Amino acid sequence: MLSRRRSGGAAAGEEPEAEVEHAQEYSLRTPTGIAGLDRIIDGGLIRSKTYLVAGETGTGKTIFSLRFILKGLEMGEPCVYVPFDETIEGTVEGALTLGWDLETPMRRNMLRILDARPFFAEVMREKFMAEVVREIVKELKKHVTEIGAKRLVIDPVAPLVGEVVDVSWTRDFIRGFVTAVEKFLGCTTIITSEVPTGSGLLSRFGVEEFLSSGIIKLSITPVENRNLRTMMVRKLRWTRVDLTPYVYEIKPLEGIVILEPLHEYVKKLKE
């Protein structure tokens, strides 16, 4: 069973909240909360679809994911966040360094951060792929249903396959997993994937980019003796895509902030 840290009840002077508050407004798009991004993707991601955020180490994939979660919470949308490279406590403490409070929405049952590592380690012992996918999605669905989650983040996807070295099995597993998530969970989902530095790859296993409804690539781009963080929307179904790379920064409270197109930024550097 996926575990989550249980808060010790309502804080002093605060009324406990037994019921989840749900967003009143509904549209076909899910705003990402990334400053400057929604403007270039027609207002956000299409609801109930799965999106890949891929990037090298240090590009801010987790920060992107958490900002996506926080935007949902701001809109009254319950969220589930599944970190694999960090503990629940580490995630909460890390968010605080950016000025983000995750404790309050967790206490109000608007946010669930799940420690999935022990559960997935056990499930991956199953011999049959279909059973592995079924058990994982069943467990996620339990948490999604309990709080009425609208947004789901899996950060990153690689630990889902454990130490499996069979590339064919891995690709088929990810294909089955993504399909099941969209069919049975109904959340707008972000899956992150770390790619080798300088490889130019869009995913780790070479299949995620074909299954996802969109790909947002985060990169480290050398320019004029400095390294810039750049973002490009590589694919977004049913959306007019601007393939221009954009320079972005990571700032406290705001998270990822898109500045301007890379070519304009470089032009200013040379002036």
C-alpha atoms as a PDB file:
ATOM      1  CA  MET A   1       0.000   0.000   0.000  1.00  0.00           C
ATOM      2  CA  LEU A   2       1.218   3.493  -0.821  1.00  0.00           C
ATOM      3  CA  SER A   3       1.939   5.375   2.370  1.00  0.00           C
ATOM      4  CA  ARG A   4       1.369   9.016   3.142  1.00  0.00           C
ATOM      5  CA  ARG A   5       2.304  11.055   6.152  1.00  0.00           C
ATOM      6  CA  ARG A   6      -0.738  11.810   8.266  1.00  0.00           C
ATOM      7  CA  SER A   7      -0.885  15.251   9.795  1.00  0.00           C
ATOM      8  CA  GLY A   8      -1.626  15.539  13.482  1.00  0.00           C
ATOM      9  CA  GLY A   9      -4.977  17.219  12.900  1.00  0.00           C
ATOM     10  CA  ALA A  10      -5.881  20.859  12.529  1.00  0.00           C
ATOM     11  CA  ALA A  11      -3.438  23.488  13.706  1.00  0.00           C
ATOM     12  CA  ALA A  12      -4.198  25.536  16.817  1.00  0.00           C
ATOM     13  CA  GLY A  13      -7.166  27.812  16.233  1.00  0.00           C
ATOM     14  CA  GLU A  14      -7.988  26.128  12.941  1.00  0.00           C
ATOM     15  CA  GLU A  15     -11.215  24.262  12.270  1.00  0.00           C
ATOM     16  CA  PRO A  16     -10.701  20.744  10.907  1.00  0.00           C
ATOM     17  CA  GLU A  17     -11.979  20.310   7.385  1.00  0.00           C
ATOM     18  CA  ALA A  18     -13.747  17.020   6.823  1.00  0.00           C
ATOM     19  CA  GLU A  19     -14.748  17.553   3.234  1.00  0.00           C
ATOM     20  CA  VAL A  20     -12.645  18.328   0.202  1.00  0.00           C
ATOM     21  CA  GLU A  21     -13.276  21.652  -1.491  1.00  0.00           C
ATOM     22  CA  HIS A  22     -13.644  21.308  -5.221  1.00  0.00           C
ATOM     23  CA  ALA A  23     -13.098  23.806  -7.987  1.00  0.00           C
ATOM     24  CA  GLN A  24     -16.295  25.522  -9.057  1.00  0.00           C
ATOM     25  CA  GLU A  25     -15.191  26.468 -12.522  1.00  0.00           C
ATOM     26  CA  TYR A  26     -14.349  23.979 -15.229  1.00  0.00           C
ATOM     27  CA  SER A  27     -12.748  24.450 -18.613  1.00  0.00           C
ATOM     28  CA  LEU A  28     -11.126  22.218 -21.197  1.00  0.00           C
ATOM     29  CA  ARG A  29      -7.689  23.530 -20.244  1.00  0.00           C
ATOM     30  CA  THR A  30      -5.639  23.010 -17.091  1.00  0.00           C
ATOM     31  CA  PRO A  31      -3.371  25.991 -16.333  1.00  0.00           C
ATOM     32  CA  THR A  32       0.161  24.890 -15.462  1.00  0.00           C
ATOM     33  CA  GLY A  33       0.927  27.792 -13.146  1.00  0.00           C
ATOM     34  CA  ILE A  34       4.289  28.255 -14.879  1.00  0.00           C
ATOM     35  CA  ALA A  35       4.718  31.998 -15.411  1.00  0.00           C
ATOM     36  CA  GLY A  36       4.691  32.692 -19.142  1.00  0.00           C
ATOM     37  CA  LEU A  37       3.959  29.124 -20.282  1.00  0.00           C
ATOM     38  CA  ASP A  38       0.161  29.080 -20.362  1.00  0.00           C
ATOM     39  CA  ARG A  39       0.203  32.108 -22.633  1.00  0.00           C
ATOM     40  CA  ILE A  40       2.051  30.168 -25.338  1.00  0.00           C
ATOM     41  CA  ILE A  41      -0.001  26.948 -25.056  1.00  0.00           C
ATOM     42  CA  ASP A  42      -3.487  28.389 -25.427  1.00  0.00           C
ATOM     43  CA  GLY A  43      -4.174  28.619 -21.710  1.00  0.00           C
ATOM     44  CA  GLY A  44      -2.868  25.312 -20.421  1.00  0.00           C
ATOM     45  CA  LEU A  45      -2.896  21.542 -20.847  1.00  0.00           C
ATOM     46  CA  ILE A  46      -5.932  19.620 -22.054  1.00  0.00           C
ATOM     47  CA  ARG A  47      -7.698  18.083 -19.071  1.00  0.00           C
ATOM     48  CA  SER A  48      -7.441  14.377 -18.241  1.00  0.00           C
ATOM     49  CA  LYS A  49      -4.440  13.806 -20.504  1.00  0.00           C
ATOM     50  CA  THR A  50      -0.863  12.787 -19.690  1.00  0.00           C
ATOM     51  CA  TYR A  51       2.128  15.035 -20.316  1.00  0.00           C
ATOM     52  CA  LEU A  52       5.868  14.435 -20.202  1.00  0.00           C
ATOM     53  CA  VAL A  53       8.277  16.946 -18.688  1.00  0.00           C
ATOM     54  CA  ALA A  54      11.751  15.795 -19.726  1.00  0.00           C
ATOM     55  CA  GLY A  55      15.104  17.286 -18.918  1.00  0.00           C
ATOM     56  CA  GLU A  56      18.675  16.927 -17.773  1.00  0.00           C
ATOM     57  CA  THR A  57      19.737  17.034 -14.137  1.00  0.00           C
ATOM     58  CA  GLY A  58      19.326  20.490 -12.647  1.00  0.00           C
ATOM     59  CA  THR A  59      16.733  21.823 -15.059  1.00  0.00           C
ATOM     60  CA  GLY A  60      13.926  22.056 -12.497  1.00  0.00           C
ATOM     61  CA  LYS A  61      11.620  19.161 -13.352  1.00  0.00           C
ATOM     62  CA  THR A  62      10.496  18.753  -9.755  1.00  0.00           C
ATOM     63  CA  ILE A  63       9.972  22.496  -9.356  1.00  0.00           C
ATOM     64  CA  PHE A  64       7.873  22.475 -12.536  1.00  0.00           C
ATOM     65  CA  SER A  65       5.809  19.600 -11.132  1.00  0.00           C
ATOM     66  CA  LEU A  66       5.252  21.218  -7.755  1.00  0.00           C
ATOM     67  CA  ARG A  67       4.221  24.514  -9.337  1.00  0.00           C
ATOM     68  CA  PHE A  68       1.682  22.565 -11.410  1.00  0.00           C
ATOM     69  CA  ILE A  69       0.349  21.038  -8.181  1.00  0.00           C
ATOM     70  CA  LEU A  70       0.240  24.394  -6.392  1.00  0.00           C
ATOM     71  CA  LYS A  71      -1.698  25.970  -9.253  1.00  0.00           C
ATOM     72  CA  GLY A  72      -4.270  23.226  -8.936  1.00  0.00           C
ATOM     73  CA  LEU A  73      -4.569  23.839  -5.214  1.00  0.00           C
ATOM     74  CA  GLU A  74      -5.012  27.573  -5.846  1.00  0.00           C
ATOM     75  CA  MET A  75      -7.918  26.672  -8.131  1.00  0.00           C
ATOM     76  CA  GLY A  76      -9.499  24.366  -5.544  1.00  0.00           C
ATOM     77  CA  GLU A  77      -8.407  21.183  -7.312  1.00  0.00           C
ATOM     78  CA  PRO A  78      -7.244  18.315  -5.066  1.00  0.00           C
ATOM     79  CA  CYS A  79      -3.917  16.834  -6.170  1.00  0.00           C
ATOM     80  CA  VAL A  80      -1.802  13.702  -5.748  1.00  0.00           C
ATOM     81  CA  TYR A  81       1.989  13.937  -5.933  1.00  0.00           C
ATOM     82  CA  VAL A  82       4.184  10.817  -6.118  1.00  0.00           C
ATOM     83  CA  PRO A  83       7.898  11.583  -5.632  1.00  0.00           C
ATOM     84  CA  PHE A  84      10.396   8.764  -6.147  1.00  0.00           C
ATOM     85  CA  ASP A  85      13.674  10.603  -5.602  1.00  0.00           C
ATOM     86  CA  GLU A  86      12.615  12.184  -2.320  1.00  0.00           C
ATOM     87  CA  THR A  87      10.796  11.302   0.884  1.00  0.00           C
ATOM     88  CA  ILE A  88       7.538  12.966   1.867  1.00  0.00           C
ATOM     89  CA  GLU A  89       9.360  14.985   4.515  1.00  0.00           C
ATOM     90  CA  GLY A  90      12.103  15.918   2.065  1.00  0.00           C
ATOM     91  CA  THR A  91       9.527  17.099  -0.456  1.00  0.00           C
ATOM     92  CA  VAL A  92       7.764  19.283   2.105  1.00  0.00           C
ATOM     93  CA  GLU A  93      11.041  20.753   3.352  1.00  0.00           C
ATOM     94  CA  GLY A  94      12.349  21.318  -0.166  1.00  0.00           C
ATOM     95  CA  ALA A  95       9.184  23.173  -1.139  1.00  0.00           C
ATOM     96  CA  LEU A  96       9.641  25.448   1.870  1.00  0.00           C
ATOM     97  CA  THR A  97      12.980  26.657   0.486  1.00  0.00           C
ATOM     98  CA  LEU A  98      10.979  28.202  -2.350  1.00  0.00           C
ATOM     99  CA  GLY A  99       8.387  29.580   0.041  1.00  0.00           C
ATOM    100  CA  TRP A 100       5.785  26.933  -0.753  1.00  0.00           C
ATOM    101  CA  ASP A 101       3.621  25.532   2.044  1.00  0.00           C
ATOM    102  CA  LEU A 102       2.534  21.956   1.387  1.00  0.00           C
ATOM    103  CA  GLU A 103       1.609  21.147   4.984  1.00  0.00           C
ATOM    104  CA  THR A 104      -1.629  23.132   4.981  1.00  0.00           C
ATOM    105  CA  PRO A 105      -3.194  21.526   1.874  1.00  0.00           C
ATOM    106  CA  MET A 106      -2.077  18.116   3.149  1.00  0.00           C
ATOM    107  CA  ARG A 107      -3.815  18.772   6.460  1.00  0.00           C
ATOM    108  CA  ARG A 108      -6.945  19.876   4.624  1.00  0.00           C
ATOM    109  CA  ASN A 109      -6.910  16.692   2.545  1.00  0.00           C
ATOM    110  CA  MET A 110      -6.477  18.678  -0.659  1.00  0.00           C
ATOM    111  CA  LEU A 111      -3.020  17.235  -1.327  1.00  0.00           C
ATOM    112  CA  ARG A 112      -1.613  13.759  -0.918  1.00  0.00           C
ATOM    113  CA  ILE A 113       2.103  13.150  -1.210  1.00  0.00           C
ATOM    114  CA  LEU A 114       2.711   9.420  -1.400  1.00  0.00           C
ATOM    115  CA  ASP A 115       5.779   7.398  -0.469  1.00  0.00           C
ATOM    116  CA  ALA A 116       5.560   4.926  -3.304  1.00  0.00           C
ATOM    117  CA  ARG A 117       8.974   3.289  -3.196  1.00  0.00           C
ATOM    118  CA  PRO A 118       8.210   0.346  -0.849  1.00  0.00           C
ATOM    119  CA  PHE A 119       4.924  -0.368  -2.626  1.00  0.00           C
ATOM    120  CA  PHE A 120       6.404  -0.387  -6.125  1.00  0.00           C
ATOM    121  CA  ALA A 121       9.376  -2.480  -5.033  1.00  0.00           C
ATOM    122  CA  GLU A 122       6.917  -5.140  -3.873  1.00  0.00           C
ATOM    123  CA  VAL A 123       4.604  -4.930  -6.885  1.00  0.00           C
ATOM    124  CA  MET A 124       7.463  -5.158  -9.386  1.00  0.00           C
ATOM    125  CA  ARG A 125       8.115  -8.725  -8.205  1.00  0.00           C
ATOM    126  CA  GLU A 126       5.034  -9.789 -10.138  1.00  0.00           C
ATOM    127  CA  LYS A 127       5.857 -11.781 -13.258  1.00  0.00           C
ATOM    128  CA  PHE A 128       2.994 -10.576 -15.389  1.00  0.00           C
ATOM    129  CA  MET A 129       3.063  -7.033 -16.739  1.00  0.00           C
ATOM    130  CA  ALA A 130      -0.714  -6.653 -16.841  1.00  0.00           C
ATOM    131  CA  GLU A 131      -0.897  -7.505 -13.139  1.00  0.00           C
ATOM    132  CA  VAL A 132       1.833  -4.993 -12.283  1.00  0.00           C
ATOM    133  CA  VAL A 133       0.030  -2.208 -14.143  1.00  0.00           C
ATOM    134  CA  ARG A 134      -3.306  -3.188 -12.608  1.00  0.00           C
ATOM    135  CA  GLU A 135      -1.982  -3.096  -9.037  1.00  0.00           C
ATOM    136  CA  ILE A 136      -0.203   0.232  -9.469  1.00  0.00           C
ATOM    137  CA  VAL A 137      -3.169   1.961 -11.080  1.00  0.00           C
ATOM    138  CA  LYS A 138      -5.553   0.420  -8.533  1.00  0.00           C
ATOM    139  CA  GLU A 139      -3.521   1.880  -5.672  1.00  0.00           C
ATOM    140  CA  LEU A 140      -3.256   5.299  -7.317  1.00  0.00           C
ATOM    141  CA  LYS A 141      -6.981   5.287  -8.052  1.00  0.00           C
ATOM    142  CA  LYS A 142      -7.741   4.693  -4.387  1.00  0.00           C
ATOM    143  CA  HIS A 143      -5.993   7.913  -3.385  1.00  0.00           C
ATOM    144  CA  VAL A 144      -7.299   9.879  -6.366  1.00  0.00           C
ATOM    145  CA  THR A 145     -10.868   8.830  -5.567  1.00  0.00           C
ATOM    146  CA  GLU A 146     -10.633   9.481  -1.826  1.00  0.00           C
ATOM    147  CA  ILE A 147      -9.842  13.172  -2.302  1.00  0.00           C
ATOM    148  CA  GLY A 148     -11.364  13.694  -5.753  1.00  0.00           C
ATOM    149  CA  ALA A 149      -7.983  14.553  -7.270  1.00  0.00           C
ATOM    150  CA  LYS A 150      -7.888  16.434 -10.564  1.00  0.00           C
ATOM    151  CA  ARG A 151      -4.106  16.569 -10.939  1.00  0.00           C
ATOM    152  CA  LEU A 152      -1.510  13.812 -10.615  1.00  0.00           C
ATOM    153  CA  VAL A 153       2.288  14.007 -10.786  1.00  0.00           C
ATOM    154  CA  ILE A 154       4.714  11.082 -10.972  1.00  0.00           C
ATOM    155  CA  ASP A 155       8.248  12.390 -10.462  1.00  0.00           C
ATOM    156  CA  PRO A 156      10.123  10.682 -12.106  1.00  0.00           C
ATOM    157  CA  VAL A 157       8.860   7.727 -14.146  1.00  0.00           C
ATOM    158  CA  ALA A 158      12.057   5.619 -14.175  1.00  0.00           C
ATOM    159  CA  PRO A 159      11.654   4.011 -10.711  1.00  0.00           C
ATOM    160  CA  LEU A 160       8.298   2.617 -11.824  1.00  0.00           C
ATOM    161  CA  VAL A 161      10.190  -0.064 -13.727  1.00  0.00           C
ATOM    162  CA  GLY A 162      12.629  -0.762 -10.906  1.00  0.00           C
ATOM    163  CA  GLU A 163      15.760  -2.575 -12.044  1.00  0.00           C
ATOM    164  CA  VAL A 164      14.210  -4.187 -15.099  1.00  0.00           C
ATOM    165  CA  VAL A 165      16.763  -4.246 -17.928  1.00  0.00           C
ATOM    166  CA  ASP A 166      14.535  -5.659 -20.665  1.00  0.00           C
ATOM    167  CA  VAL A 167      13.956  -2.618 -22.895  1.00  0.00           C
ATOM    168  CA  SER A 168      11.024  -4.223 -24.695  1.00  0.00           C
ATOM    169  CA  TRP A 169       9.304  -5.080 -21.384  1.00  0.00           C
ATOM    170  CA  THR A 170       9.940  -1.568 -20.085  1.00  0.00           C
ATOM    171  CA  ARG A 171       8.442   0.101 -23.129  1.00  0.00           C
ATOM    172  CA  ASP A 172       5.383  -2.132 -23.088  1.00  0.00           C
ATOM    173  CA  PHE A 173       4.955  -1.511 -19.369  1.00  0.00           C
ATOM    174  CA  ILE A 174       5.088   2.271 -19.739  1.00  0.00           C
ATOM    175  CA  ARG A 175       2.666   2.067 -22.651  1.00  0.00           C
ATOM    176  CA  GLY A 176       0.203   0.063 -20.569  1.00  0.00           C
ATOM    177  CA  PHE A 177       0.665   2.305 -17.552  1.00  0.00           C
ATOM    178  CA  VAL A 178       0.053   5.593 -19.371  1.00  0.00           C
ATOM    179  CA  THR A 179      -2.992   4.148 -21.140  1.00  0.00           C
ATOM    180  CA  ALA A 180      -4.456   2.895 -17.852  1.00  0.00           C
ATOM    181  CA  VAL A 181      -3.818   6.187 -16.040  1.00  0.00           C
ATOM    182  CA  GLU A 182      -5.775   8.128 -18.649  1.00  0.00           C
ATOM    183  CA  LYS A 183      -8.561   5.548 -18.821  1.00  0.00           C
ATOM    184  CA  PHE A 184      -9.144   4.924 -15.116  1.00  0.00           C
ATOM    185  CA  LEU A 185      -7.899   7.957 -13.163  1.00  0.00           C
ATOM    186  CA  GLY A 186      -9.222  10.897 -15.162  1.00  0.00           C
ATOM    187  CA  CYS A 187      -6.540  13.284 -13.888  1.00  0.00           C
ATOM    188  CA  THR A 188      -4.450  15.757 -15.799  1.00  0.00           C
ATOM    189  CA  THR A 189      -1.131  13.997 -15.277  1.00  0.00           C
ATOM    190  CA  ILE A 190       2.484  15.087 -15.473  1.00  0.00           C
ATOM    191  CA  ILE A 191       5.208  12.454 -15.642  1.00  0.00           C
ATOM    192  CA  THR A 192       8.809  13.611 -15.420  1.00  0.00           C
ATOM    193  CA  SER A 193      11.741  11.886 -17.062  1.00  0.00           C
ATOM    194  CA  GLU A 194      15.439  12.557 -16.664  1.00  0.00           C
ATOM    195  CA  VAL A 195      17.472  12.306 -19.855  1.00  0.00           C
ATOM    196  CA  PRO A 196      21.267  12.031 -20.175  1.00  0.00           C
ATOM    197  CA  THR A 197      23.050  15.381 -20.250  1.00  0.00           C
ATOM    198  CA  GLY A 198      23.711  16.592 -23.769  1.00  0.00           C
ATOM    199  CA  SER A 199      21.931  13.629 -25.373  1.00  0.00           C
ATOM    200  CA  GLY A 200      19.149  15.597 -27.022  1.00  0.00           C
ATOM    201  CA  LEU A 201      16.741  12.783 -26.151  1.00  0.00           C
ATOM    202  CA  LEU A 202      13.109  13.493 -25.332  1.00  0.00           C
ATOM    203  CA  SER A 203      12.675  10.606 -22.908  1.00  0.00           C
ATOM    204  CA  ARG A 204      14.602   7.986 -21.020  1.00  0.00           C
ATOM    205  CA  PHE A 205      13.045   4.878 -22.510  1.00  0.00           C
ATOM    206  CA  GLY A 206      12.231   6.119 -25.999  1.00  0.00           C
ATOM    207  CA  VAL A 207       8.500   5.503 -25.772  1.00  0.00           C
ATOM    208  CA  GLU A 208       7.091   8.115 -23.374  1.00  0.00           C
ATOM    209  CA  GLU A 209       7.121  10.837 -25.998  1.00  0.00           C
ATOM    210  CA  PHE A 210       4.858   8.826 -28.295  1.00  0.00           C
ATOM    211  CA  LEU A 211       2.322   8.001 -25.582  1.00  0.00           C
ATOM    212  CA  SER A 212       2.020  11.393 -23.929  1.00  0.00           C
ATOM    213  CA  SER A 213      -0.281  14.120 -25.186  1.00  0.00           C
ATOM    214  CA  GLY A 214       2.519  16.620 -24.894  1.00  0.00           C
ATOM    215  CA  ILE A 215       6.230  17.027 -24.238  1.00  0.00           C
ATOM    216  CA  ILE A 216       7.878  19.945 -22.492  1.00  0.00           C
ATOM    217  CA  LYS A 217      11.659  19.744 -22.767  1.00  0.00           C
ATOM    218  CA  LEU A 218      13.858  21.473 -20.198  1.00  0.00           C
ATOM    219  CA  SER A 219      17.500  21.943 -21.160  1.00  0.00           C
ATOM    220  CA  ILE A 220      20.813  23.503 -20.195  1.00  0.00           C
ATOM    221  CA  THR A 221      21.947  25.553 -23.198  1.00  0.00           C
ATOM    222  CA  PRO A 222      25.521  26.947 -23.417  1.00  0.00           C
ATOM    223  CA  VAL A 223      25.465  30.550 -24.688  1.00  0.00           C
ATOM    224  CA  GLU A 224      28.256  33.141 -24.634  1.00  0.00           C
ATOM    225  CA  ASN A 225      30.347  31.344 -21.993  1.00  0.00           C
ATOM    226  CA  ARG A 226      27.378  30.783 -19.724  1.00  0.00           C
ATOM    227  CA  ASN A 227      24.737  28.098 -19.255  1.00  0.00           C
ATOM    228  CA  LEU A 228      21.094  29.047 -19.644  1.00  0.00           C
ATOM    229  CA  ARG A 229      18.039  27.074 -18.664  1.00  0.00           C
ATOM    230  CA  THR A 230      15.753  26.798 -21.684  1.00  0.00           C
ATOM    231  CA  MET A 231      12.292  25.352 -22.243  1.00  0.00           C
ATOM    232  CA  MET A 232      10.683  24.191 -25.460  1.00  0.00           C
ATOM    233  CA  VAL A 233       7.190  22.808 -25.996  1.00  0.00           C
ATOM    234  CA  ARG A 234       8.149  19.965 -28.307  1.00  0.00           C
ATOM    235  CA  LYS A 235       4.657  18.535 -28.746  1.00  0.00           C
ATOM    236  CA  LEU A 236       1.153  19.377 -27.579  1.00  0.00           C
ATOM    237  CA  ARG A 237      -1.805  17.629 -29.173  1.00  0.00           C
ATOM    238  CA  TRP A 238      -4.687  19.787 -30.354  1.00  0.00           C
ATOM    239  CA  THR A 239      -2.672  22.904 -29.632  1.00  0.00           C
ATOM    240  CA  ARG A 240      -0.842  25.349 -31.825  1.00  0.00           C
ATOM    241  CA  VAL A 241       2.771  24.769 -30.764  1.00  0.00           C
ATOM    242  CA  ASP A 242       5.485  27.410 -30.752  1.00  0.00           C
ATOM    243  CA  LEU A 243       8.754  25.482 -31.166  1.00  0.00           C
ATOM    244  CA  THR A 244      10.814  28.459 -30.032  1.00  0.00           C
ATOM    245  CA  PRO A 245      13.139  27.736 -27.076  1.00  0.00           C
ATOM    246  CA  TYR A 246      12.501  30.104 -24.161  1.00  0.00           C
ATOM    247  CA  VAL A 247      14.940  31.139 -21.453  1.00  0.00           C
ATOM    248  CA  TYR A 248      13.647  30.648 -17.919  1.00  0.00           C
ATOM    249  CA  GLU A 249      14.781  31.227 -14.355  1.00  0.00           C
ATOM    250  CA  ILE A 250      13.917  29.601 -11.040  1.00  0.00           C
ATOM    251  CA  LYS A 251      12.768  32.108  -8.430  1.00  0.00           C
ATOM    252  CA  PRO A 252      11.491  31.808  -4.841  1.00  0.00           C
ATOM    253  CA  LEU A 253       7.680  31.792  -4.552  1.00  0.00           C
ATOM    254  CA  GLU A 254       7.218  31.862  -8.332  1.00  0.00           C
ATOM    255  CA  GLY A 255       9.190  28.752  -9.249  1.00  0.00           C
ATOM    256  CA  ILE A 256       9.898  28.567 -12.972  1.00  0.00           C
ATOM    257  CA  VAL A 257       9.516  31.899 -14.751  1.00  0.00           C
ATOM    258  CA  ILE A 258       9.809  32.155 -18.529  1.00  0.00           C
ATOM    259  CA  LEU A 259      11.728  35.279 -19.537  1.00  0.00           C
ATOM    260  CA  GLU A 260      11.823  35.550 -23.333  1.00  0.00           C
ATOM    261  CA  PRO A 261      12.687  33.614 -26.501  1.00  0.00           C
ATOM    262  CA  LEU A 262      16.278  32.366 -26.556  1.00  0.00           C
ATOM    263  CA  HIS A 263      17.190  34.262 -29.728  1.00  0.00           C
ATOM    264  CA  GLU A 264      16.024  37.550 -28.215  1.00  0.00           C
ATOM    265  CA  TYR A 265      17.933  36.880 -25.009  1.00  0.00           C
ATOM    266  CA  VAL A 266      21.118  36.102 -26.948  1.00  0.00           C
ATOM    267  CA  LYS A 267      20.693  39.227 -29.058  1.00  0.00           C
ATOM    268  CA  LYS A 268      20.588  41.364 -25.909  1.00  0.00           C
ATOM    269  CA  LEU A 269      23.714  39.669 -24.574  1.00  0.00           C
ATOM    270  CA  LYS A 270      25.610  40.691 -27.692  1.00  0.00           C
ATOM    271  CA  GLU A 271      24.476  44.310 -27.680  1.00  0.00           C
END
